[in-house]
């Protein structure tokens, strides 16, 4: 089967070479926030055995971090924007879900008295 060779168009000095449009359209998003969110979810779940204050604090920390990521995504000129790439929507959603899961777990532990509110301190 005969395949016709592709010929390149000659570029003159008048028309500059432009990059490929597909390469310019690719935007990179950071998924780096997913791993710390899942690690903090596991740590909060483990620390809930000792006190329900720990997962509540970690949950509020994750929710405030997700709001910070959401704000940095919408306003990259803000003073707290230090990311070289914008976070992805899936990363922001994972951080929100991890924070919400920890707060829901705290509520369930409190409702059913599965863990103490204050940690048990050893007697001195």
PDB file of N, CA and C in Angstrom:
ATOM      1  N   UNK A   1       0.849  -1.170   0.000  1.00  0.00           N
ATOM      2  CA  UNK A   1       0.000   0.000   0.000  1.00  0.00           C
ATOM      3  C   UNK A   1       0.895   1.233   0.000  1.00  0.00           C
ATOM      4  N   UNK A   2       0.566   2.149  -0.850  1.00  0.00           N
ATOM      5  CA  UNK A   2       1.363   3.359  -0.987  1.00  0.00           C
ATOM      6  C   UNK A   2       0.900   4.395   0.026  1.00  0.00           C
ATOM      7  N   UNK A   3       1.854   4.938   0.795  1.00  0.00           N
ATOM      8  CA  UNK A   3       1.556   5.998   1.753  1.00  0.00           C
ATOM      9  C   UNK A   3       2.222   7.266   1.260  1.00  0.00           C
ATOM     10  N   UNK A   4       1.448   8.279   1.107  1.00  0.00           N
ATOM     11  CA  UNK A   4       1.979   9.541   0.617  1.00  0.00           C
ATOM     12  C   UNK A   4       2.805  10.213   1.699  1.00  0.00           C
ATOM     13  N   UNK A   5       4.004  10.650   1.402  1.00  0.00           N
ATOM     14  CA  UNK A   5       4.821  11.294   2.431  1.00  0.00           C
ATOM     15  C   UNK A   5       4.248  12.660   2.811  1.00  0.00           C
ATOM     16  N   UNK A   6       4.452  13.015   4.063  1.00  0.00           N
ATOM     17  CA  UNK A   6       3.977  14.312   4.540  1.00  0.00           C
ATOM     18  C   UNK A   6       5.053  15.351   4.277  1.00  0.00           C
ATOM     19  N   UNK A   7       4.638  16.443   3.741  1.00  0.00           N
ATOM     20  CA  UNK A   7       5.574  17.525   3.458  1.00  0.00           C
ATOM     21  C   UNK A   7       5.345  18.638   4.463  1.00  0.00           C
ATOM     22  N   UNK A   8       6.429  19.163   4.951  1.00  0.00           N
ATOM     23  CA  UNK A   8       6.343  20.286   5.880  1.00  0.00           C
ATOM     24  C   UNK A   8       6.264  21.572   5.102  1.00  0.00           C
ATOM     25  N   UNK A   9       5.495  22.444   5.623  1.00  0.00           N
ATOM     26  CA  UNK A   9       5.377  23.752   5.017  1.00  0.00           C
ATOM     27  C   UNK A   9       6.620  24.560   5.328  1.00  0.00           C
ATOM     28  N   UNK A  10       7.092  25.299   4.413  1.00  0.00           N
ATOM     29  CA  UNK A  10       8.279  26.115   4.648  1.00  0.00           C
ATOM     30  C   UNK A  10       7.903  27.307   5.514  1.00  0.00           C
ATOM     31  N   UNK A  11       8.752  27.593   6.494  1.00  0.00           N
ATOM     32  CA  UNK A  11       8.517  28.710   7.389  1.00  0.00           C
ATOM     33  C   UNK A  11       9.392  29.856   6.913  1.00  0.00           C
ATOM     34  N   UNK A  12       8.772  30.956   6.685  1.00  0.00           N
ATOM     35  CA  UNK A  12       9.538  32.131   6.266  1.00  0.00           C
ATOM     36  C   UNK A  12       9.847  32.981   7.484  1.00  0.00           C
ATOM     37  N   UNK A  13      10.611  33.995   7.277  1.00  0.00           N
ATOM     38  CA  UNK A  13      10.984  34.884   8.376  1.00  0.00           C
ATOM     39  C   UNK A  13       9.809  35.724   8.837  1.00  0.00           C
ATOM     40  N   UNK A  14       8.792  35.847   8.028  1.00  0.00           N
ATOM     41  CA  UNK A  14       7.652  36.691   8.368  1.00  0.00           C
ATOM     42  C   UNK A  14       6.719  35.995   9.351  1.00  0.00           C
ATOM     43  N   UNK A  15       6.473  34.707   9.182  1.00  0.00           N
ATOM     44  CA  UNK A  15       5.555  34.010  10.080  1.00  0.00           C
ATOM     45  C   UNK A  15       6.336  33.195  11.111  1.00  0.00           C
ATOM     46  N   UNK A  16       6.133  33.500  12.397  1.00  0.00           N
ATOM     47  CA  UNK A  16       6.863  32.774  13.435  1.00  0.00           C
ATOM     48  C   UNK A  16       6.304  31.361  13.619  1.00  0.00           C
ATOM     49  N   UNK A  17       7.140  30.510  14.150  1.00  0.00           N
ATOM     50  CA  UNK A  17       6.716  29.138  14.441  1.00  0.00           C
ATOM     51  C   UNK A  17       5.942  29.157  15.753  1.00  0.00           C
ATOM     52  N   UNK A  18       4.722  28.668  15.724  1.00  0.00           N
ATOM     53  CA  UNK A  18       3.902  28.630  16.936  1.00  0.00           C
ATOM     54  C   UNK A  18       3.935  27.220  17.510  1.00  0.00           C
ATOM     55  N   UNK A  19       3.837  27.114  18.846  1.00  0.00           N
ATOM     56  CA  UNK A  19       3.818  25.772  19.441  1.00  0.00           C
ATOM     57  C   UNK A  19       2.525  25.054  19.078  1.00  0.00           C
ATOM     58  N   UNK A  20       2.542  23.780  19.275  1.00  0.00           N
ATOM     59  CA  UNK A  20       1.364  22.974  18.967  1.00  0.00           C
ATOM     60  C   UNK A  20       0.203  23.390  19.863  1.00  0.00           C
ATOM     61  N   UNK A  21      -0.995  23.527  19.321  1.00  0.00           N
ATOM     62  CA  UNK A  21      -2.120  23.970  20.148  1.00  0.00           C
ATOM     63  C   UNK A  21      -2.491  22.967  21.232  1.00  0.00           C
ATOM     64  N   UNK A  22      -2.237  21.698  21.016  1.00  0.00           N
ATOM     65  CA  UNK A  22      -2.574  20.697  22.038  1.00  0.00           C
ATOM     66  C   UNK A  22      -1.671  20.848  23.259  1.00  0.00           C
ATOM     67  N   UNK A  23      -0.396  21.201  23.039  1.00  0.00           N
ATOM     68  CA  UNK A  23       0.516  21.363  24.167  1.00  0.00           C
ATOM     69  C   UNK A  23       0.173  22.606  24.981  1.00  0.00           C
ATOM     70  N   UNK A  24      -0.322  23.641  24.342  1.00  0.00           N
ATOM     71  CA  UNK A  24      -0.680  24.854  25.064  1.00  0.00           C
ATOM     72  C   UNK A  24      -1.968  24.659  25.862  1.00  0.00           C
ATOM     73  N   UNK A  25      -2.851  23.782  25.389  1.00  0.00           N
ATOM     74  CA  UNK A  25      -4.129  23.584  26.064  1.00  0.00           C
ATOM     75  C   UNK A  25      -4.015  22.685  27.292  1.00  0.00           C
ATOM     76  N   UNK A  26      -2.933  21.936  27.422  1.00  0.00           N
ATOM     77  CA  UNK A  26      -2.776  21.027  28.548  1.00  0.00           C
ATOM     78  C   UNK A  26      -2.452  21.839  29.801  1.00  0.00           C
ATOM     79  N   UNK A  27      -3.266  21.688  30.810  1.00  0.00           N
ATOM     80  CA  UNK A  27      -3.019  22.353  32.079  1.00  0.00           C
ATOM     81  C   UNK A  27      -2.744  21.291  33.128  1.00  0.00           C
ATOM     82  N   UNK A  28      -1.705  21.489  33.854  1.00  0.00           N
ATOM     83  CA  UNK A  28      -1.340  20.506  34.872  1.00  0.00           C
ATOM     84  C   UNK A  28      -1.976  20.893  36.198  1.00  0.00           C
ATOM     85  N   UNK A  29      -2.520  19.921  36.861  1.00  0.00           N
ATOM     86  CA  UNK A  29      -3.146  20.113  38.166  1.00  0.00           C
ATOM     87  C   UNK A  29      -2.432  19.235  39.175  1.00  0.00           C
ATOM     88  N   UNK A  30      -2.369  19.703  40.385  1.00  0.00           N
ATOM     89  CA  UNK A  30      -1.664  18.990  41.435  1.00  0.00           C
ATOM     90  C   UNK A  30      -2.638  18.103  42.212  1.00  0.00           C
ATOM     91  N   UNK A  31      -2.260  16.838  42.366  1.00  0.00           N
ATOM     92  CA  UNK A  31      -3.042  15.898  43.171  1.00  0.00           C
ATOM     93  C   UNK A  31      -2.323  15.586  44.484  1.00  0.00           C
ATOM     94  N   UNK A  32      -1.406  16.439  44.872  1.00  0.00           N
ATOM     95  CA  UNK A  32      -0.543  16.169  46.012  1.00  0.00           C
ATOM     96  C   UNK A  32      -1.299  16.216  47.341  1.00  0.00           C
ATOM     97  N   UNK A  33      -2.417  16.904  47.420  1.00  0.00           N
ATOM     98  CA  UNK A  33      -3.141  17.039  48.680  1.00  0.00           C
ATOM     99  C   UNK A  33      -3.901  15.781  49.063  1.00  0.00           C
ATOM    100  N   UNK A  34      -4.011  14.819  48.168  1.00  0.00           N
ATOM    101  CA  UNK A  34      -4.792  13.611  48.448  1.00  0.00           C
ATOM    102  C   UNK A  34      -4.105  12.746  49.496  1.00  0.00           C
ATOM    103  N   UNK A  35      -2.817  12.539  49.357  1.00  0.00           N
ATOM    104  CA  UNK A  35      -2.090  11.637  50.267  1.00  0.00           C
ATOM    105  C   UNK A  35      -2.077  12.161  51.705  1.00  0.00           C
ATOM    106  N   UNK A  36      -1.729  13.447  51.965  1.00  0.00           N
ATOM    107  CA  UNK A  36      -1.799  13.913  53.359  1.00  0.00           C
ATOM    108  C   UNK A  36      -3.210  13.885  53.926  1.00  0.00           C
ATOM    109  N   UNK A  37      -4.217  14.128  53.099  1.00  0.00           N
ATOM    110  CA  UNK A  37      -5.598  14.081  53.602  1.00  0.00           C
ATOM    111  C   UNK A  37      -5.962  12.673  54.047  1.00  0.00           C
ATOM    112  N   UNK A  38      -5.583  11.679  53.263  1.00  0.00           N
ATOM    113  CA  UNK A  38      -5.886  10.300  53.643  1.00  0.00           C
ATOM    114  C   UNK A  38      -5.067   9.852  54.848  1.00  0.00           C
ATOM    115  N   UNK A  39      -3.822  10.313  54.939  1.00  0.00           N
ATOM    116  CA  UNK A  39      -3.014   9.996  56.124  1.00  0.00           C
ATOM    117  C   UNK A  39      -3.604  10.632  57.379  1.00  0.00           C
ATOM    118  N   UNK A  40      -4.045  11.877  57.280  1.00  0.00           N
ATOM    119  CA  UNK A  40      -4.656  12.528  58.436  1.00  0.00           C
ATOM    120  C   UNK A  40      -5.993  11.883  58.796  1.00  0.00           C
ATOM    121  N   UNK A  41      -6.699  11.365  57.809  1.00  0.00           N
ATOM    122  CA  UNK A  41      -7.929  10.619  58.102  1.00  0.00           C
ATOM    123  C   UNK A  41      -7.610   9.375  58.919  1.00  0.00           C
ATOM    124  N   UNK A  42      -6.571   8.644  58.544  1.00  0.00           N
ATOM    125  CA  UNK A  42      -6.174   7.459  59.303  1.00  0.00           C
ATOM    126  C   UNK A  42      -5.667   7.794  60.695  1.00  0.00           C
ATOM    127  N   UNK A  43      -4.889   8.857  60.810  1.00  0.00           N
ATOM    128  CA  UNK A  43      -4.378   9.276  62.124  1.00  0.00           C
ATOM    129  C   UNK A  43      -5.529   9.711  63.024  1.00  0.00           C
ATOM    130  N   UNK A  44      -6.475  10.454  62.465  1.00  0.00           N
ATOM    131  CA  UNK A  44      -7.634  10.878  63.263  1.00  0.00           C
ATOM    132  C   UNK A  44      -8.486   9.709  63.700  1.00  0.00           C
ATOM    133  N   UNK A  45      -8.619   8.715  62.827  1.00  0.00           N
ATOM    134  CA  UNK A  45      -9.386   7.530  63.183  1.00  0.00           C
ATOM    135  C   UNK A  45      -8.694   6.759  64.309  1.00  0.00           C
ATOM    136  N   UNK A  46      -7.358   6.682  64.250  1.00  0.00           N
ATOM    137  CA  UNK A  46      -6.617   5.986  65.298  1.00  0.00           C
ATOM    138  C   UNK A  46      -6.688   6.758  66.620  1.00  0.00           C
ATOM    139  N   UNK A  47      -6.514   8.077  66.565  1.00  0.00           N
ATOM    140  CA  UNK A  47      -6.512   8.878  67.791  1.00  0.00           C
ATOM    141  C   UNK A  47      -7.895   9.021  68.411  1.00  0.00           C
ATOM    142  N   UNK A  48      -8.937   8.657  67.683  1.00  0.00           N
ATOM    143  CA  UNK A  48     -10.294   8.715  68.238  1.00  0.00           C
ATOM    144  C   UNK A  48     -10.491   7.708  69.358  1.00  0.00           C
ATOM    145  N   UNK A  49      -9.623   6.712  69.427  1.00  0.00           N
ATOM    146  CA  UNK A  49      -9.722   5.738  70.531  1.00  0.00           C
ATOM    147  C   UNK A  49      -9.418   6.392  71.870  1.00  0.00           C
ATOM    148  N   UNK A  50      -8.596   7.445  71.852  1.00  0.00           N
ATOM    149  CA  UNK A  50      -8.172   8.072  73.092  1.00  0.00           C
ATOM    150  C   UNK A  50      -9.043   9.268  73.472  1.00  0.00           C
ATOM    151  N   UNK A  51      -9.480  10.034  72.491  1.00  0.00           N
ATOM    152  CA  UNK A  51     -10.333  11.188  72.738  1.00  0.00           C
ATOM    153  C   UNK A  51     -10.983  11.606  71.427  1.00  0.00           C
ATOM    154  N   UNK A  52     -12.224  12.072  71.508  1.00  0.00           N
ATOM    155  CA  UNK A  52     -12.882  12.521  70.282  1.00  0.00           C
ATOM    156  C   UNK A  52     -12.488  13.949  69.922  1.00  0.00           C
ATOM    157  N   UNK A  53     -11.690  14.590  70.748  1.00  0.00           N
ATOM    158  CA  UNK A  53     -11.202  15.921  70.404  1.00  0.00           C
ATOM    159  C   UNK A  53     -10.178  15.870  69.271  1.00  0.00           C
ATOM    160  N   UNK A  54      -9.394  14.807  69.222  1.00  0.00           N
ATOM    161  CA  UNK A  54      -8.356  14.702  68.193  1.00  0.00           C
ATOM    162  C   UNK A  54      -8.937  14.641  66.779  1.00  0.00           C
ATOM    163  N   UNK A  55      -9.894  13.755  66.501  1.00  0.00           N
ATOM    164  CA  UNK A  55     -10.448  13.762  65.140  1.00  0.00           C
ATOM    165  C   UNK A  55     -11.226  15.031  64.822  1.00  0.00           C
ATOM    166  N   UNK A  56     -11.831  15.645  65.842  1.00  0.00           N
ATOM    167  CA  UNK A  56     -12.559  16.894  65.593  1.00  0.00           C
ATOM    168  C   UNK A  56     -11.587  17.997  65.170  1.00  0.00           C
ATOM    169  N   UNK A  57     -10.465  18.107  65.855  1.00  0.00           N
ATOM    170  CA  UNK A  57      -9.478  19.129  65.493  1.00  0.00           C
ATOM    171  C   UNK A  57      -8.863  18.857  64.127  1.00  0.00           C
ATOM    172  N   UNK A  58      -8.554  17.599  63.849  1.00  0.00           N
ATOM    173  CA  UNK A  58      -7.985  17.261  62.539  1.00  0.00           C
ATOM    174  C   UNK A  58      -9.020  17.490  61.444  1.00  0.00           C
ATOM    175  N   UNK A  59     -10.289  17.192  61.728  1.00  0.00           N
ATOM    176  CA  UNK A  59     -11.356  17.426  60.750  1.00  0.00           C
ATOM    177  C   UNK A  59     -11.524  18.904  60.425  1.00  0.00           C
ATOM    178  N   UNK A  60     -11.516  19.753  61.456  1.00  0.00           N
ATOM    179  CA  UNK A  60     -11.601  21.195  61.208  1.00  0.00           C
ATOM    180  C   UNK A  60     -10.370  21.701  60.465  1.00  0.00           C
ATOM    181  N   UNK A  61      -9.209  21.141  60.775  1.00  0.00           N
ATOM    182  CA  UNK A  61      -7.985  21.501  60.064  1.00  0.00           C
ATOM    183  C   UNK A  61      -8.088  21.137  58.576  1.00  0.00           C
ATOM    184  N   UNK A  62      -8.616  19.957  58.282  1.00  0.00           N
ATOM    185  CA  UNK A  62      -8.771  19.536  56.888  1.00  0.00           C
ATOM    186  C   UNK A  62      -9.805  20.399  56.152  1.00  0.00           C
ATOM    187  N   UNK A  63     -10.906  20.727  56.812  1.00  0.00           N
ATOM    188  CA  UNK A  63     -11.903  21.568  56.150  1.00  0.00           C
ATOM    189  C   UNK A  63     -11.371  22.973  55.883  1.00  0.00           C
ATOM    190  N   UNK A  64     -10.630  23.534  56.828  1.00  0.00           N
ATOM    191  CA  UNK A  64     -10.048  24.859  56.586  1.00  0.00           C
ATOM    192  C   UNK A  64      -8.976  24.787  55.502  1.00  0.00           C
ATOM    193  N   UNK A  65      -8.229  23.688  55.457  1.00  0.00           N
ATOM    194  CA  UNK A  65      -7.245  23.519  54.391  1.00  0.00           C
ATOM    195  C   UNK A  65      -7.897  23.393  53.028  1.00  0.00           C
ATOM    196  N   UNK A  66      -9.038  22.706  52.966  1.00  0.00           N
ATOM    197  CA  UNK A  66      -9.761  22.583  51.699  1.00  0.00           C
ATOM    198  C   UNK A  66     -10.312  23.934  51.259  1.00  0.00           C
ATOM    199  N   UNK A  67     -10.781  24.725  52.209  1.00  0.00           N
ATOM    200  CA  UNK A  67     -11.242  26.070  51.848  1.00  0.00           C
ATOM    201  C   UNK A  67     -10.075  26.927  51.371  1.00  0.00           C
ATOM    202  N   UNK A  68      -8.917  26.741  51.965  1.00  0.00           N
ATOM    203  CA  UNK A  68      -7.727  27.463  51.497  1.00  0.00           C
ATOM    204  C   UNK A  68      -7.322  27.045  50.102  1.00  0.00           C
ATOM    205  N   UNK A  69      -7.394  25.740  49.827  1.00  0.00           N
ATOM    206  CA  UNK A  69      -7.097  25.267  48.470  1.00  0.00           C
ATOM    207  C   UNK A  69      -8.122  25.779  47.468  1.00  0.00           C
ATOM    208  N   UNK A  70      -9.371  25.831  47.890  1.00  0.00           N
ATOM    209  CA  UNK A  70     -10.415  26.331  47.001  1.00  0.00           C
ATOM    210  C   UNK A  70     -10.210  27.813  46.722  1.00  0.00           C
ATOM    211  N   UNK A  71      -9.833  28.552  47.747  1.00  0.00           N
ATOM    212  CA  UNK A  71      -9.577  29.975  47.555  1.00  0.00           C
ATOM    213  C   UNK A  71      -8.363  30.229  46.685  1.00  0.00           C
ATOM    214  N   UNK A  72      -7.338  29.417  46.840  1.00  0.00           N
ATOM    215  CA  UNK A  72      -6.143  29.615  46.020  1.00  0.00           C
ATOM    216  C   UNK A  72      -6.420  29.242  44.580  1.00  0.00           C
ATOM    217  N   UNK A  73      -7.319  28.317  44.365  1.00  0.00           N
ATOM    218  CA  UNK A  73      -7.663  27.937  43.000  1.00  0.00           C
ATOM    219  C   UNK A  73      -8.431  29.063  42.316  1.00  0.00           C
ATOM    220  N   UNK A  74      -9.307  29.717  43.057  1.00  0.00           N
ATOM    221  CA  UNK A  74     -10.109  30.765  42.458  1.00  0.00           C
ATOM    222  C   UNK A  74      -9.368  32.093  42.374  1.00  0.00           C
ATOM    223  N   UNK A  75      -8.446  32.333  43.277  1.00  0.00           N
ATOM    224  CA  UNK A  75      -7.732  33.595  43.293  1.00  0.00           C
ATOM    225  C   UNK A  75      -6.229  33.336  43.430  1.00  0.00           C
ATOM    226  N   UNK A  76      -5.540  33.080  42.337  1.00  0.00           N
ATOM    227  CA  UNK A  76      -4.105  32.797  42.450  1.00  0.00           C
ATOM    228  C   UNK A  76      -3.272  34.009  42.801  1.00  0.00           C
ATOM    229  N   UNK A  77      -3.847  35.197  42.838  1.00  0.00           N
ATOM    230  CA  UNK A  77      -3.095  36.390  43.207  1.00  0.00           C
ATOM    231  C   UNK A  77      -3.226  36.721  44.684  1.00  0.00           C
ATOM    232  N   UNK A  78      -3.824  35.834  45.472  1.00  0.00           N
ATOM    233  CA  UNK A  78      -3.967  36.097  46.900  1.00  0.00           C
ATOM    234  C   UNK A  78      -2.617  35.985  47.590  1.00  0.00           C
ATOM    235  N   UNK A  79      -2.524  36.530  48.793  1.00  0.00           N
ATOM    236  CA  UNK A  79      -1.248  36.560  49.499  1.00  0.00           C
ATOM    237  C   UNK A  79      -0.837  35.194  50.014  1.00  0.00           C
ATOM    238  N   UNK A  80      -1.776  34.273  50.188  1.00  0.00           N
ATOM    239  CA  UNK A  80      -1.457  32.950  50.722  1.00  0.00           C
ATOM    240  C   UNK A  80      -1.238  31.928  49.614  1.00  0.00           C
ATOM    241  N   UNK A  81      -1.035  32.355  48.392  1.00  0.00           N
ATOM    242  CA  UNK A  81      -0.886  31.421  47.276  1.00  0.00           C
ATOM    243  C   UNK A  81       0.587  31.114  47.081  1.00  0.00           C
ATOM    244  N   UNK A  82       1.002  29.905  47.428  1.00  0.00           N
ATOM    245  CA  UNK A  82       2.392  29.498  47.287  1.00  0.00           C
ATOM    246  C   UNK A  82       2.532  28.280  46.391  1.00  0.00           C
ATOM    247  N   UNK A  83       1.453  27.814  45.769  1.00  0.00           N
ATOM    248  CA  UNK A  83       1.511  26.620  44.945  1.00  0.00           C
ATOM    249  C   UNK A  83       1.993  26.970  43.544  1.00  0.00           C
ATOM    250  N   UNK A  84       2.859  26.130  42.997  1.00  0.00           N
ATOM    251  CA  UNK A  84       3.314  26.358  41.629  1.00  0.00           C
ATOM    252  C   UNK A  84       2.271  25.884  40.629  1.00  0.00           C
ATOM    253  N   UNK A  85       1.483  24.893  40.982  1.00  0.00           N
ATOM    254  CA  UNK A  85       0.374  24.446  40.149  1.00  0.00           C
ATOM    255  C   UNK A  85      -0.901  24.496  40.972  1.00  0.00           C
ATOM    256  N   UNK A  86      -1.988  24.663  40.300  1.00  0.00           N
ATOM    257  CA  UNK A  86      -3.273  24.720  40.998  1.00  0.00           C
ATOM    258  C   UNK A  86      -3.690  23.316  41.436  1.00  0.00           C
ATOM    259  N   UNK A  87      -4.351  23.201  42.587  1.00  0.00           N
ATOM    260  CA  UNK A  87      -4.829  21.874  43.007  1.00  0.00           C
ATOM    261  C   UNK A  87      -6.004  21.428  42.144  1.00  0.00           C
ATOM    262  N   UNK A  88      -6.114  20.136  41.957  1.00  0.00           N
ATOM    263  CA  UNK A  88      -7.202  19.603  41.144  1.00  0.00           C
ATOM    264  C   UNK A  88      -8.482  19.574  41.961  1.00  0.00           C
ATOM    265  N   UNK A  89      -9.599  19.500  41.248  1.00  0.00           N
ATOM    266  CA  UNK A  89     -10.878  19.438  41.927  1.00  0.00           C
ATOM    267  C   UNK A  89     -11.011  18.141  42.715  1.00  0.00           C
ATOM    268  N   UNK A  90     -10.433  17.066  42.217  1.00  0.00           N
ATOM    269  CA  UNK A  90     -10.513  15.805  42.953  1.00  0.00           C
ATOM    270  C   UNK A  90      -9.702  15.873  44.247  1.00  0.00           C
ATOM    271  N   UNK A  91      -8.571  16.580  44.234  1.00  0.00           N
ATOM    272  CA  UNK A  91      -7.785  16.739  45.461  1.00  0.00           C
ATOM    273  C   UNK A  91      -8.546  17.581  46.477  1.00  0.00           C
ATOM    274  N   UNK A  92      -9.162  18.655  46.023  1.00  0.00           N
ATOM    275  CA  UNK A  92      -9.940  19.496  46.938  1.00  0.00           C
ATOM    276  C   UNK A  92     -11.125  18.703  47.494  1.00  0.00           C
ATOM    277  N   UNK A  93     -11.788  17.928  46.648  1.00  0.00           N
ATOM    278  CA  UNK A  93     -12.908  17.106  47.102  1.00  0.00           C
ATOM    279  C   UNK A  93     -12.489  16.043  48.099  1.00  0.00           C
ATOM    280  N   UNK A  94     -11.315  15.447  47.893  1.00  0.00           N
ATOM    281  CA  UNK A  94     -10.827  14.438  48.831  1.00  0.00           C
ATOM    282  C   UNK A  94     -10.542  15.050  50.192  1.00  0.00           C
ATOM    283  N   UNK A  95      -9.965  16.236  50.216  1.00  0.00           N
ATOM    284  CA  UNK A  95      -9.685  16.906  51.494  1.00  0.00           C
ATOM    285  C   UNK A  95     -10.995  17.262  52.190  1.00  0.00           C
ATOM    286  N   UNK A  96     -11.985  17.764  51.435  1.00  0.00           N
ATOM    287  CA  UNK A  96     -13.298  18.045  52.019  1.00  0.00           C
ATOM    288  C   UNK A  96     -13.940  16.783  52.589  1.00  0.00           C
ATOM    289  N   UNK A  97     -13.901  15.697  51.834  1.00  0.00           N
ATOM    290  CA  UNK A  97     -14.523  14.457  52.303  1.00  0.00           C
ATOM    291  C   UNK A  97     -13.816  13.880  53.516  1.00  0.00           C
ATOM    292  N   UNK A  98     -12.495  13.968  53.559  1.00  0.00           N
ATOM    293  CA  UNK A  98     -11.759  13.465  54.721  1.00  0.00           C
ATOM    294  C   UNK A  98     -12.102  14.279  55.967  1.00  0.00           C
ATOM    295  N   UNK A  99     -12.172  15.598  55.837  1.00  0.00           N
ATOM    296  CA  UNK A  99     -12.556  16.439  56.974  1.00  0.00           C
ATOM    297  C   UNK A  99     -13.983  16.173  57.414  1.00  0.00           C
ATOM    298  N   UNK A 100     -14.885  16.040  56.455  1.00  0.00           N
ATOM    299  CA  UNK A 100     -16.269  15.735  56.794  1.00  0.00           C
ATOM    300  C   UNK A 100     -16.420  14.369  57.425  1.00  0.00           C
ATOM    301  N   UNK A 101     -15.652  13.389  56.954  1.00  0.00           N
ATOM    302  CA  UNK A 101     -15.711  12.041  57.545  1.00  0.00           C
ATOM    303  C   UNK A 101     -15.228  12.060  58.987  1.00  0.00           C
ATOM    304  N   UNK A 102     -14.174  12.815  59.256  1.00  0.00           N
ATOM    305  CA  UNK A 102     -13.685  12.888  60.638  1.00  0.00           C
ATOM    306  C   UNK A 102     -14.687  13.588  61.545  1.00  0.00           C
ATOM    307  N   UNK A 103     -15.328  14.630  61.068  1.00  0.00           N
ATOM    308  CA  UNK A 103     -16.326  15.306  61.903  1.00  0.00           C
ATOM    309  C   UNK A 103     -17.561  14.428  62.105  1.00  0.00           C
ATOM    310  N   UNK A 104     -17.957  13.677  61.066  1.00  0.00           N
ATOM    311  CA  UNK A 104     -19.083  12.755  61.218  1.00  0.00           C
ATOM    312  C   UNK A 104     -18.732  11.639  62.203  1.00  0.00           C
ATOM    313  N   UNK A 105     -17.506  11.144  62.116  1.00  0.00           N
ATOM    314  CA  UNK A 105     -17.064  10.103  63.031  1.00  0.00           C
ATOM    315  C   UNK A 105     -17.039  10.626  64.468  1.00  0.00           C
ATOM    316  N   UNK A 106     -16.600  11.863  64.654  1.00  0.00           N
ATOM    317  CA  UNK A 106     -16.597  12.468  65.986  1.00  0.00           C
ATOM    318  C   UNK A 106     -18.013  12.563  66.534  1.00  0.00           C
ATOM    319  N   UNK A 107     -18.940  12.966  65.694  1.00  0.00           N
ATOM    320  CA  UNK A 107     -20.334  13.068  66.123  1.00  0.00           C
ATOM    321  C   UNK A 107     -20.895  11.697  66.502  1.00  0.00           C
ATOM    322  N   UNK A 108     -20.615  10.685  65.693  1.00  0.00           N
ATOM    323  CA  UNK A 108     -21.110   9.340  66.001  1.00  0.00           C
ATOM    324  C   UNK A 108     -20.478   8.789  67.274  1.00  0.00           C
ATOM    325  N   UNK A 109     -19.184   9.029  67.459  1.00  0.00           N
ATOM    326  CA  UNK A 109     -18.523   8.563  68.686  1.00  0.00           C
ATOM    327  C   UNK A 109     -19.127   9.248  69.913  1.00  0.00           C
ATOM    328  N   UNK A 110     -19.426  10.539  69.784  1.00  0.00           N
ATOM    329  CA  UNK A 110     -20.019  11.266  70.898  1.00  0.00           C
ATOM    330  C   UNK A 110     -21.445  10.795  71.155  1.00  0.00           C
ATOM    331  N   UNK A 111     -22.197  10.580  70.088  1.00  0.00           N
ATOM    332  CA  UNK A 111     -23.600  10.197  70.211  1.00  0.00           C
ATOM    333  C   UNK A 111     -23.756   8.835  70.879  1.00  0.00           C
ATOM    334  N   UNK A 112     -22.887   7.889  70.546  1.00  0.00           N
ATOM    335  CA  UNK A 112     -22.993   6.539  71.078  1.00  0.00           C
ATOM    336  C   UNK A 112     -22.024   6.259  72.233  1.00  0.00           C
ATOM    337  N   UNK A 113     -21.299   7.272  72.668  1.00  0.00           N
ATOM    338  CA  UNK A 113     -20.334   7.168  73.784  1.00  0.00           C
ATOM    339  C   UNK A 113     -19.319   6.065  73.540  1.00  0.00           C
ATOM    340  N   UNK A 114     -18.755   6.017  72.339  1.00  0.00           N
ATOM    341  CA  UNK A 114     -17.760   5.010  72.010  1.00  0.00           C
ATOM    342  C   UNK A 114     -16.352   5.426  72.401  1.00  0.00           C
ATOM    343  N   UNK A 115     -16.132   6.708  72.653  1.00  0.00           N
ATOM    344  CA  UNK A 115     -14.802   7.192  73.025  1.00  0.00           C
ATOM    345  C   UNK A 115     -14.977   8.331  74.023  1.00  0.00           C
ATOM    346  N   UNK A 116     -13.982   8.546  74.885  1.00  0.00           N
ATOM    347  CA  UNK A 116     -14.105   9.643  75.851  1.00  0.00           C
ATOM    348  C   UNK A 116     -13.959  11.007  75.173  1.00  0.00           C
ATOM    349  N   UNK A 117     -14.568  12.000  75.790  1.00  0.00           N
ATOM    350  CA  UNK A 117     -14.433  13.352  75.258  1.00  0.00           C
ATOM    351  C   UNK A 117     -13.047  13.889  75.571  1.00  0.00           C
ATOM    352  N   UNK A 118     -12.621  13.721  76.797  1.00  0.00           N
ATOM    353  CA  UNK A 118     -11.269  14.140  77.189  1.00  0.00           C
ATOM    354  C   UNK A 118     -10.390  12.894  77.316  1.00  0.00           C
ATOM    355  N   UNK A 119      -9.131  13.010  76.968  1.00  0.00           N
ATOM    356  CA  UNK A 119      -8.272  11.832  77.110  1.00  0.00           C
ATOM    357  C   UNK A 119      -8.054  11.459  78.564  1.00  0.00           C
ATOM    358  N   UNK A 120      -7.916  10.182  78.826  1.00  0.00           N
ATOM    359  CA  UNK A 120      -7.653   9.705  80.195  1.00  0.00           C
ATOM    360  C   UNK A 120      -6.218  10.030  80.535  1.00  0.00           C
ATOM    361  N   UNK A 121      -6.051  10.800  81.582  1.00  0.00           N
ATOM    362  CA  UNK A 121      -4.719  11.177  82.007  1.00  0.00           C
ATOM    363  C   UNK A 121      -4.266  10.244  83.121  1.00  0.00           C
ATOM    364  N   UNK A 122      -3.013   9.861  83.134  1.00  0.00           N
ATOM    365  CA  UNK A 122      -2.543   8.984  84.216  1.00  0.00           C
ATOM    366  C   UNK A 122      -2.490   9.752  85.536  1.00  0.00           C
ATOM    367  N   UNK A 123      -2.768   9.042  86.614  1.00  0.00           N
ATOM    368  CA  UNK A 123      -2.721   9.665  87.944  1.00  0.00           C
ATOM    369  C   UNK A 123      -1.284   9.771  88.418  1.00  0.00           C
ATOM    370  N   UNK A 124      -0.941  10.934  88.933  1.00  0.00           N
ATOM    371  CA  UNK A 124       0.435  11.142  89.440  1.00  0.00           C
ATOM    372  C   UNK A 124       0.467  11.065  90.923  1.00  0.00           C
TER     373      UNK A 124
END
